[in-house]
Amino acid sequence: MTNEEIWRVALEQSAIDCNCEPEDFLRTENVIAAANADPRARVYLPRPVECDLVSYGSNVVAQVSDRVREAVTGYVNAYPASFAFETPHLYVLDRALEPFGLAVCYMAEYFLPDVNALRALECPYTLRLLGPADFAGLYKPEWSNALCAHRRERDMLALGAYDGEKLVGLAGVSADCEGMWQIGVDVLSGYRRRGVASALTSRLALEVFERGKVPFYCAAWCNLKSVRNALKCGFRPAWVELTARDLAHVEALNRP
């Protein structure tokens, strides 16, 4: 695939996720779309959403329910796209959503591979490509980024790093939608900063390409280790996304 083809796949998927057109993300004016439960959307996104904001950099595409449309429209039109996803402005959005029993919940940056930068990085440990039968017994807390216990049927492929027979790092890909597979990676604490994560991520991304899919990577802005891993492997920032959820859901996540 070329970079242009990769970005086109991503824009088309975002359009499915947000109930709009791919070109809407390239406009200079903001776009407000009606919430929709499309079965082709990425599986981990709640459907239908009450408030979901996406930006590829030039504007904000907001998918909203009818009851919050006015409040969210006023918010996104009050600030430039680059400011709408950060404090102190997010406090304004939170206050606007509070009467509806909602709050800002998930915020993340998404990365796409640059085919001119992506390459197989070296690993000091033995690497093994794993299929679903091989990683069926690996749904454990230490591998919770690489594999998703709640959607095991979506986990397509994994790559493990082994120190002898000990699994010390694992990257997995989840078929979160038809054309794009998300990469997640975990490395045991005693084996970090040795190039394991980048070797697993970069090589697994190439495996995804060989299967005709676009690999993508997600990280919180504050997770600098994960962001550095994405950049080292040849991934580049593509879009940012913010999702509001009901207050009960947010409060449950905040319990110690």
C-alpha atoms as a PDB file:
ATOM      1  CA  MET A   1       0.000   0.000   0.000  1.00  0.00           C
ATOM      2  CA  THR A   2       1.025   3.600  -0.510  1.00  0.00           C
ATOM      3  CA  ASN A   3       0.655   6.228   2.196  1.00  0.00           C
ATOM      4  CA  GLU A   4      -2.183   7.759   0.195  1.00  0.00           C
ATOM      5  CA  GLU A   5      -4.022   4.428   0.153  1.00  0.00           C
ATOM      6  CA  ILE A   6      -3.483   3.967   3.889  1.00  0.00           C
ATOM      7  CA  TRP A   7      -4.895   7.380   4.688  1.00  0.00           C
ATOM      8  CA  ARG A   8      -7.849   6.788   2.400  1.00  0.00           C
ATOM      9  CA  VAL A   9      -8.726   3.572   4.229  1.00  0.00           C
ATOM     10  CA  ALA A  10      -8.488   5.424   7.557  1.00  0.00           C
ATOM     11  CA  LEU A  11     -10.651   8.321   6.386  1.00  0.00           C
ATOM     12  CA  GLU A  12     -13.273   5.941   5.030  1.00  0.00           C
ATOM     13  CA  GLN A  13     -13.359   4.031   8.314  1.00  0.00           C
ATOM     14  CA  SER A  14     -13.601   7.238  10.335  1.00  0.00           C
ATOM     15  CA  ALA A  15     -16.512   8.265   8.119  1.00  0.00           C
ATOM     16  CA  ILE A  16     -18.270   4.998   8.980  1.00  0.00           C
ATOM     17  CA  ASP A  17     -17.494   5.519  12.667  1.00  0.00           C
ATOM     18  CA  CYS A  18     -18.778   9.111  12.646  1.00  0.00           C
ATOM     19  CA  ASN A  19     -21.694   8.787  10.191  1.00  0.00           C
ATOM     20  CA  CYS A  20     -20.278  11.292   7.715  1.00  0.00           C
ATOM     21  CA  GLU A  21     -18.241  11.459   4.492  1.00  0.00           C
ATOM     22  CA  PRO A  22     -14.451  10.924   4.293  1.00  0.00           C
ATOM     23  CA  GLU A  23     -13.981  14.413   2.890  1.00  0.00           C
ATOM     24  CA  ASP A  24     -15.650  15.896   5.968  1.00  0.00           C
ATOM     25  CA  PHE A  25     -12.428  15.399   7.935  1.00  0.00           C
ATOM     26  CA  LEU A  26     -10.499  17.542   5.438  1.00  0.00           C
ATOM     27  CA  ARG A  27     -12.775  20.567   5.557  1.00  0.00           C
ATOM     28  CA  THR A  28     -11.878  23.789   7.331  1.00  0.00           C
ATOM     29  CA  GLU A  29     -15.355  24.166   8.834  1.00  0.00           C
ATOM     30  CA  ASN A  30     -16.628  21.842  11.556  1.00  0.00           C
ATOM     31  CA  VAL A  31     -19.113  19.073  10.775  1.00  0.00           C
ATOM     32  CA  ILE A  32     -21.933  17.936  13.056  1.00  0.00           C
ATOM     33  CA  ALA A  33     -23.217  14.411  12.341  1.00  0.00           C
ATOM     34  CA  ALA A  34     -26.169  12.529  13.807  1.00  0.00           C
ATOM     35  CA  ALA A  35     -25.292   9.597  16.075  1.00  0.00           C
ATOM     36  CA  ASN A  36     -25.634   6.295  14.276  1.00  0.00           C
ATOM     37  CA  ALA A  37     -25.101   2.633  15.195  1.00  0.00           C
ATOM     38  CA  ASP A  38     -23.365   1.381  12.049  1.00  0.00           C
ATOM     39  CA  PRO A  39     -22.366  -2.306  12.424  1.00  0.00           C
ATOM     40  CA  ARG A  40     -19.219  -1.581  10.374  1.00  0.00           C
ATOM     41  CA  ALA A  41     -17.869   0.835  12.994  1.00  0.00           C
ATOM     42  CA  ARG A  42     -14.888  -0.039  15.169  1.00  0.00           C
ATOM     43  CA  VAL A  43     -16.195  -2.581  17.661  1.00  0.00           C
ATOM     44  CA  TYR A  44     -14.946  -0.936  20.857  1.00  0.00           C
ATOM     45  CA  LEU A  45     -16.783   2.340  20.240  1.00  0.00           C
ATOM     46  CA  PRO A  46     -20.121   2.579  22.108  1.00  0.00           C
ATOM     47  CA  ARG A  47     -23.036   2.767  19.664  1.00  0.00           C
ATOM     48  CA  PRO A  48     -24.832   4.988  19.263  1.00  0.00           C
ATOM     49  CA  VAL A  49     -22.656   7.647  20.882  1.00  0.00           C
ATOM     50  CA  GLU A  50     -23.930  10.760  22.605  1.00  0.00           C
ATOM     51  CA  CYS A  51     -20.823  12.821  21.911  1.00  0.00           C
ATOM     52  CA  ASP A  52     -17.724  11.824  19.959  1.00  0.00           C
ATOM     53  CA  LEU A  53     -15.227  14.337  18.555  1.00  0.00           C
ATOM     54  CA  VAL A  54     -12.661  13.463  15.869  1.00  0.00           C
ATOM     55  CA  SER A  55     -10.045  15.657  14.235  1.00  0.00           C
ATOM     56  CA  TYR A  56      -7.490  14.941  11.534  1.00  0.00           C
ATOM     57  CA  GLY A  57      -6.114  18.424  12.145  1.00  0.00           C
ATOM     58  CA  SER A  58      -8.104  20.867  10.031  1.00  0.00           C
ATOM     59  CA  ASN A  59     -11.508  20.750  11.741  1.00  0.00           C
ATOM     60  CA  VAL A  60     -13.659  18.823  14.213  1.00  0.00           C
ATOM     61  CA  VAL A  61     -16.229  16.234  13.194  1.00  0.00           C
ATOM     62  CA  ALA A  62     -18.684  15.792  16.045  1.00  0.00           C
ATOM     63  CA  GLN A  63     -21.074  12.848  16.155  1.00  0.00           C
ATOM     64  CA  VAL A  64     -23.867  13.701  18.571  1.00  0.00           C
ATOM     65  CA  SER A  65     -27.271  12.623  19.784  1.00  0.00           C
ATOM     66  CA  ASP A  66     -30.194  14.975  19.231  1.00  0.00           C
ATOM     67  CA  ARG A  67     -30.348  16.037  22.855  1.00  0.00           C
ATOM     68  CA  VAL A  68     -26.729  17.279  23.036  1.00  0.00           C
ATOM     69  CA  ARG A  69     -26.465  18.646  19.476  1.00  0.00           C
ATOM     70  CA  GLU A  70     -26.884  22.301  20.412  1.00  0.00           C
ATOM     71  CA  ALA A  71     -24.487  22.148  23.354  1.00  0.00           C
ATOM     72  CA  VAL A  72     -21.723  20.314  21.465  1.00  0.00           C
ATOM     73  CA  THR A  73     -22.129  22.441  18.333  1.00  0.00           C
ATOM     74  CA  GLY A  74     -21.659  25.564  20.417  1.00  0.00           C
ATOM     75  CA  TYR A  75     -18.531  24.095  21.983  1.00  0.00           C
ATOM     76  CA  VAL A  76     -16.721  22.968  18.818  1.00  0.00           C
ATOM     77  CA  ASN A  77     -17.503  26.246  17.064  1.00  0.00           C
ATOM     78  CA  ALA A  78     -16.118  28.272  19.970  1.00  0.00           C
ATOM     79  CA  TYR A  79     -12.511  27.042  19.676  1.00  0.00           C
ATOM     80  CA  PRO A  80     -10.021  26.113  16.932  1.00  0.00           C
ATOM     81  CA  ALA A  81      -9.703  22.373  16.313  1.00  0.00           C
ATOM     82  CA  SER A  82      -6.281  22.275  17.958  1.00  0.00           C
ATOM     83  CA  PHE A  83      -7.753  23.664  21.209  1.00  0.00           C
ATOM     84  CA  ALA A  84     -11.003  21.696  21.368  1.00  0.00           C
ATOM     85  CA  PHE A  85      -9.245  18.588  22.719  1.00  0.00           C
ATOM     86  CA  GLU A  86      -7.339  20.118  25.599  1.00  0.00           C
ATOM     87  CA  THR A  87      -7.795  21.874  28.917  1.00  0.00           C
ATOM     88  CA  PRO A  88      -8.871  24.413  29.979  1.00  0.00           C
ATOM     89  CA  HIS A  89     -11.453  24.281  27.191  1.00  0.00           C
ATOM     90  CA  LEU A  90     -12.527  20.716  27.990  1.00  0.00           C
ATOM     91  CA  TYR A  91     -13.930  21.984  31.275  1.00  0.00           C
ATOM     92  CA  VAL A  92     -16.371  24.011  29.185  1.00  0.00           C
ATOM     93  CA  LEU A  93     -17.452  20.859  27.346  1.00  0.00           C
ATOM     94  CA  ASP A  94     -17.771  18.943  30.600  1.00  0.00           C
ATOM     95  CA  ARG A  95     -20.045  21.617  32.058  1.00  0.00           C
ATOM     96  CA  ALA A  96     -22.147  21.614  28.895  1.00  0.00           C
ATOM     97  CA  LEU A  97     -22.582  17.835  29.067  1.00  0.00           C
ATOM     98  CA  GLU A  98     -23.288  17.603  32.796  1.00  0.00           C
ATOM     99  CA  PRO A  99     -27.044  18.380  32.534  1.00  0.00           C
ATOM    100  CA  PHE A 100     -27.359  15.357  30.260  1.00  0.00           C
ATOM    101  CA  GLY A 101     -25.602  13.034  32.714  1.00  0.00           C
ATOM    102  CA  LEU A 102     -22.471  12.841  30.551  1.00  0.00           C
ATOM    103  CA  ALA A 103     -18.780  13.604  30.988  1.00  0.00           C
ATOM    104  CA  VAL A 104     -15.615  13.549  28.911  1.00  0.00           C
ATOM    105  CA  CYS A 105     -14.240  10.029  29.210  1.00  0.00           C
ATOM    106  CA  TYR A 106     -11.862   8.649  26.574  1.00  0.00           C
ATOM    107  CA  MET A 107      -9.196  10.700  24.796  1.00  0.00           C
ATOM    108  CA  ALA A 108      -6.559   9.235  22.516  1.00  0.00           C
ATOM    109  CA  GLU A 109      -4.223   9.869  19.614  1.00  0.00           C
ATOM    110  CA  TYR A 110      -4.198   7.449  16.681  1.00  0.00           C
ATOM    111  CA  PHE A 111      -1.217   6.617  14.486  1.00  0.00           C
ATOM    112  CA  LEU A 112      -0.898   5.260  10.938  1.00  0.00           C
ATOM    113  CA  PRO A 113       2.228   3.692   9.419  1.00  0.00           C
ATOM    114  CA  ASP A 114       4.446   5.660   7.054  1.00  0.00           C
ATOM    115  CA  VAL A 115       5.548   3.109   4.458  1.00  0.00           C
ATOM    116  CA  ASN A 116       8.744   5.096   3.919  1.00  0.00           C
ATOM    117  CA  ALA A 117       9.685   4.761   7.597  1.00  0.00           C
ATOM    118  CA  LEU A 118       8.246   1.388   8.641  1.00  0.00           C
ATOM    119  CA  ARG A 119      10.805  -1.412   8.727  1.00  0.00           C
ATOM    120  CA  ALA A 120      11.469  -4.582  10.705  1.00  0.00           C
ATOM    121  CA  LEU A 121      13.474  -3.561  13.776  1.00  0.00           C
ATOM    122  CA  GLU A 122      15.886  -5.920  15.480  1.00  0.00           C
ATOM    123  CA  CYS A 123      15.122  -7.743  18.721  1.00  0.00           C
ATOM    124  CA  PRO A 124      17.646  -9.290  21.154  1.00  0.00           C
ATOM    125  CA  TYR A 125      15.276 -12.217  21.762  1.00  0.00           C
ATOM    126  CA  THR A 126      13.743 -14.978  19.684  1.00  0.00           C
ATOM    127  CA  LEU A 127      10.535 -13.994  17.918  1.00  0.00           C
ATOM    128  CA  ARG A 128       7.639 -16.351  17.234  1.00  0.00           C
ATOM    129  CA  LEU A 129       4.536 -15.642  15.170  1.00  0.00           C
ATOM    130  CA  LEU A 130       1.429 -16.910  16.982  1.00  0.00           C
ATOM    131  CA  GLY A 131      -2.064 -17.757  15.805  1.00  0.00           C
ATOM    132  CA  PRO A 132      -5.242 -17.827  17.931  1.00  0.00           C
ATOM    133  CA  ALA A 133      -4.622 -21.394  19.049  1.00  0.00           C
ATOM    134  CA  ASP A 134      -1.107 -20.469  20.197  1.00  0.00           C
ATOM    135  CA  PHE A 135      -2.127 -17.483  22.323  1.00  0.00           C
ATOM    136  CA  ALA A 136      -5.394 -18.929  23.677  1.00  0.00           C
ATOM    137  CA  GLY A 137      -3.787 -19.359  27.100  1.00  0.00           C
ATOM    138  CA  LEU A 138      -2.216 -15.892  27.216  1.00  0.00           C
ATOM    139  CA  TYR A 139      -5.244 -13.851  28.230  1.00  0.00           C
ATOM    140  CA  LYS A 140      -3.587 -12.632  31.412  1.00  0.00           C
ATOM    141  CA  PRO A 141      -3.161  -9.172  32.984  1.00  0.00           C
ATOM    142  CA  GLU A 142       0.433  -8.831  31.803  1.00  0.00           C
ATOM    143  CA  TRP A 143      -0.684  -9.156  28.177  1.00  0.00           C
ATOM    144  CA  SER A 144      -3.863  -7.073  28.395  1.00  0.00           C
ATOM    145  CA  ASN A 145      -2.711  -4.496  25.821  1.00  0.00           C
ATOM    146  CA  ALA A 146      -1.689  -7.120  23.288  1.00  0.00           C
ATOM    147  CA  LEU A 147      -4.820  -9.281  23.672  1.00  0.00           C
ATOM    148  CA  CYS A 148      -8.418  -8.365  24.524  1.00  0.00           C
ATOM    149  CA  ALA A 149     -10.205 -10.881  26.732  1.00  0.00           C
ATOM    150  CA  HIS A 150     -13.586  -9.251  26.058  1.00  0.00           C
ATOM    151  CA  ARG A 151     -13.302  -9.696  22.288  1.00  0.00           C
ATOM    152  CA  ARG A 152     -11.145 -12.782  21.832  1.00  0.00           C
ATOM    153  CA  GLU A 153     -12.722 -13.559  18.481  1.00  0.00           C
ATOM    154  CA  ARG A 154     -11.235 -10.310  17.130  1.00  0.00           C
ATOM    155  CA  ASP A 155      -7.623 -11.184  18.013  1.00  0.00           C
ATOM    156  CA  MET A 156      -6.156 -12.337  14.714  1.00  0.00           C
ATOM    157  CA  LEU A 157      -2.420 -12.630  15.177  1.00  0.00           C
ATOM    158  CA  ALA A 158       0.332 -12.131  17.739  1.00  0.00           C
ATOM    159  CA  LEU A 159       4.114 -11.955  17.853  1.00  0.00           C
ATOM    160  CA  GLY A 160       5.981 -13.056  20.947  1.00  0.00           C
ATOM    161  CA  ALA A 161       9.526 -12.359  22.128  1.00  0.00           C
ATOM    162  CA  TYR A 162      11.089 -15.235  24.078  1.00  0.00           C
ATOM    163  CA  ASP A 163      14.080 -15.345  26.397  1.00  0.00           C
ATOM    164  CA  GLY A 164      14.652 -19.060  26.112  1.00  0.00           C
ATOM    165  CA  GLU A 165      11.170 -20.437  26.713  1.00  0.00           C
ATOM    166  CA  LYS A 166      10.021 -17.423  28.739  1.00  0.00           C
ATOM    167  CA  LEU A 167       7.628 -15.045  26.996  1.00  0.00           C
ATOM    168  CA  VAL A 168       8.947 -11.539  27.744  1.00  0.00           C
ATOM    169  CA  GLY A 169       7.055  -9.430  25.200  1.00  0.00           C
ATOM    170  CA  LEU A 170       3.874  -9.797  23.190  1.00  0.00           C
ATOM    171  CA  ALA A 171       2.232  -7.742  20.458  1.00  0.00           C
ATOM    172  CA  GLY A 172      -1.194  -8.594  19.099  1.00  0.00           C
ATOM    173  CA  VAL A 173      -3.542  -7.310  16.426  1.00  0.00           C
ATOM    174  CA  SER A 174      -7.285  -7.014  16.766  1.00  0.00           C
ATOM    175  CA  ALA A 175      -9.653  -6.849  13.782  1.00  0.00           C
ATOM    176  CA  ASP A 176     -11.528  -3.862  15.180  1.00  0.00           C
ATOM    177  CA  CYS A 177     -13.099  -3.181  11.778  1.00  0.00           C
ATOM    178  CA  GLU A 178     -13.024  -4.662   8.297  1.00  0.00           C
ATOM    179  CA  GLY A 179     -10.032  -2.888   6.798  1.00  0.00           C
ATOM    180  CA  MET A 180      -7.952  -1.894   9.830  1.00  0.00           C
ATOM    181  CA  TRP A 181      -6.311  -3.957  12.564  1.00  0.00           C
ATOM    182  CA  GLN A 182      -5.159  -2.347  15.816  1.00  0.00           C
ATOM    183  CA  ILE A 183      -1.791  -3.217  17.343  1.00  0.00           C
ATOM    184  CA  GLY A 184      -1.266  -3.471  21.093  1.00  0.00           C
ATOM    185  CA  VAL A 185       1.968  -4.430  22.841  1.00  0.00           C
ATOM    186  CA  ASP A 186       3.182  -5.451  26.319  1.00  0.00           C
ATOM    187  CA  VAL A 187       6.710  -6.095  27.626  1.00  0.00           C
ATOM    188  CA  LEU A 188       7.581  -7.483  31.056  1.00  0.00           C
ATOM    189  CA  SER A 189       9.094  -4.840  33.323  1.00  0.00           C
ATOM    190  CA  GLY A 190      12.534  -6.419  33.500  1.00  0.00           C
ATOM    191  CA  TYR A 191      12.879  -6.473  29.717  1.00  0.00           C
ATOM    192  CA  ARG A 192      11.893  -2.920  28.812  1.00  0.00           C
ATOM    193  CA  ARG A 193      14.148  -0.345  27.114  1.00  0.00           C
ATOM    194  CA  ARG A 194      15.848  -3.100  25.115  1.00  0.00           C
ATOM    195  CA  GLY A 195      14.032  -2.619  21.814  1.00  0.00           C
ATOM    196  CA  VAL A 196      11.514  -5.409  22.394  1.00  0.00           C
ATOM    197  CA  ALA A 197       8.351  -3.314  21.972  1.00  0.00           C
ATOM    198  CA  SER A 198       9.551  -1.631  18.786  1.00  0.00           C
ATOM    199  CA  ALA A 199      10.715  -4.919  17.256  1.00  0.00           C
ATOM    200  CA  LEU A 200       7.375  -6.574  17.984  1.00  0.00           C
ATOM    201  CA  THR A 201       5.300  -3.603  16.818  1.00  0.00           C
ATOM    202  CA  SER A 202       7.184  -2.979  13.586  1.00  0.00           C
ATOM    203  CA  ARG A 203       7.312  -6.621  12.533  1.00  0.00           C
ATOM    204  CA  LEU A 204       3.677  -7.242  13.384  1.00  0.00           C
ATOM    205  CA  ALA A 205       2.677  -4.174  11.352  1.00  0.00           C
ATOM    206  CA  LEU A 206       4.411  -5.715   8.332  1.00  0.00           C
ATOM    207  CA  GLU A 207       2.539  -8.979   8.931  1.00  0.00           C
ATOM    208  CA  VAL A 208      -0.736  -7.041   8.927  1.00  0.00           C
ATOM    209  CA  PHE A 209       0.141  -5.443   5.592  1.00  0.00           C
ATOM    210  CA  GLU A 210       0.858  -8.882   4.144  1.00  0.00           C
ATOM    211  CA  ARG A 211      -2.721  -9.827   4.984  1.00  0.00           C
ATOM    212  CA  GLY A 212      -4.109  -6.842   3.095  1.00  0.00           C
ATOM    213  CA  LYS A 213      -5.097  -4.822   6.164  1.00  0.00           C
ATOM    214  CA  VAL A 214      -3.988  -1.424   7.494  1.00  0.00           C
ATOM    215  CA  PRO A 215      -2.316  -1.570  10.919  1.00  0.00           C
ATOM    216  CA  PHE A 216      -3.055   1.279  13.313  1.00  0.00           C
ATOM    217  CA  TYR A 217      -1.864   2.193  16.777  1.00  0.00           C
ATOM    218  CA  CYS A 218      -3.528   4.082  19.616  1.00  0.00           C
ATOM    219  CA  ALA A 219      -2.005   5.818  22.630  1.00  0.00           C
ATOM    220  CA  ALA A 220      -3.000   8.312  25.290  1.00  0.00           C
ATOM    221  CA  TRP A 221      -1.175  11.623  24.960  1.00  0.00           C
ATOM    222  CA  CYS A 222       0.389  11.169  28.388  1.00  0.00           C
ATOM    223  CA  ASN A 223       1.704   7.669  27.616  1.00  0.00           C
ATOM    224  CA  LEU A 224       5.034   8.879  26.287  1.00  0.00           C
ATOM    225  CA  LYS A 225       6.572   5.399  26.225  1.00  0.00           C
ATOM    226  CA  SER A 226       3.826   4.206  23.902  1.00  0.00           C
ATOM    227  CA  VAL A 227       4.014   7.316  21.711  1.00  0.00           C
ATOM    228  CA  ARG A 228       7.795   6.954  21.385  1.00  0.00           C
ATOM    229  CA  ASN A 229       7.327   3.322  20.417  1.00  0.00           C
ATOM    230  CA  ALA A 230       4.885   4.285  17.664  1.00  0.00           C
ATOM    231  CA  LEU A 231       7.228   6.918  16.256  1.00  0.00           C
ATOM    232  CA  LYS A 232      10.276   4.653  16.427  1.00  0.00           C
ATOM    233  CA  CYS A 233       8.429   1.986  14.442  1.00  0.00           C
ATOM    234  CA  GLY A 234       7.498   4.386  11.645  1.00  0.00           C
ATOM    235  CA  PHE A 235       3.969   5.279  12.728  1.00  0.00           C
ATOM    236  CA  ARG A 236       2.892   8.911  12.449  1.00  0.00           C
ATOM    237  CA  PRO A 237       0.060  10.868  14.158  1.00  0.00           C
ATOM    238  CA  ALA A 238      -3.130  10.694  12.097  1.00  0.00           C
ATOM    239  CA  TRP A 239      -6.156  11.715  14.154  1.00  0.00           C
ATOM    240  CA  VAL A 240      -7.306  12.443  17.688  1.00  0.00           C
ATOM    241  CA  GLU A 241     -10.575  11.375  19.265  1.00  0.00           C
ATOM    242  CA  LEU A 242     -12.615  12.238  22.350  1.00  0.00           C
ATOM    243  CA  THR A 243     -15.651  10.319  23.569  1.00  0.00           C
ATOM    244  CA  ALA A 244     -18.092  11.271  26.304  1.00  0.00           C
ATOM    245  CA  ARG A 245     -19.850   8.607  28.338  1.00  0.00           C
ATOM    246  CA  ASP A 246     -22.493   8.561  31.034  1.00  0.00           C
ATOM    247  CA  LEU A 247     -21.410   9.649  34.500  1.00  0.00           C
ATOM    248  CA  ALA A 248     -21.900   6.191  36.008  1.00  0.00           C
ATOM    249  CA  HIS A 249     -19.446   4.723  33.499  1.00  0.00           C
ATOM    250  CA  VAL A 250     -16.883   7.460  34.204  1.00  0.00           C
ATOM    251  CA  GLU A 251     -17.241   7.085  37.958  1.00  0.00           C
ATOM    252  CA  ALA A 252     -16.788   3.308  37.700  1.00  0.00           C
ATOM    253  CA  LEU A 253     -13.512   3.830  35.832  1.00  0.00           C
ATOM    254  CA  ASN A 254     -12.315   6.231  38.521  1.00  0.00           C
ATOM    255  CA  ARG A 255     -12.766   3.819  41.414  1.00  0.00           C
ATOM    256  CA  PRO A 256      -9.419   2.767  42.945  1.00  0.00           C
END
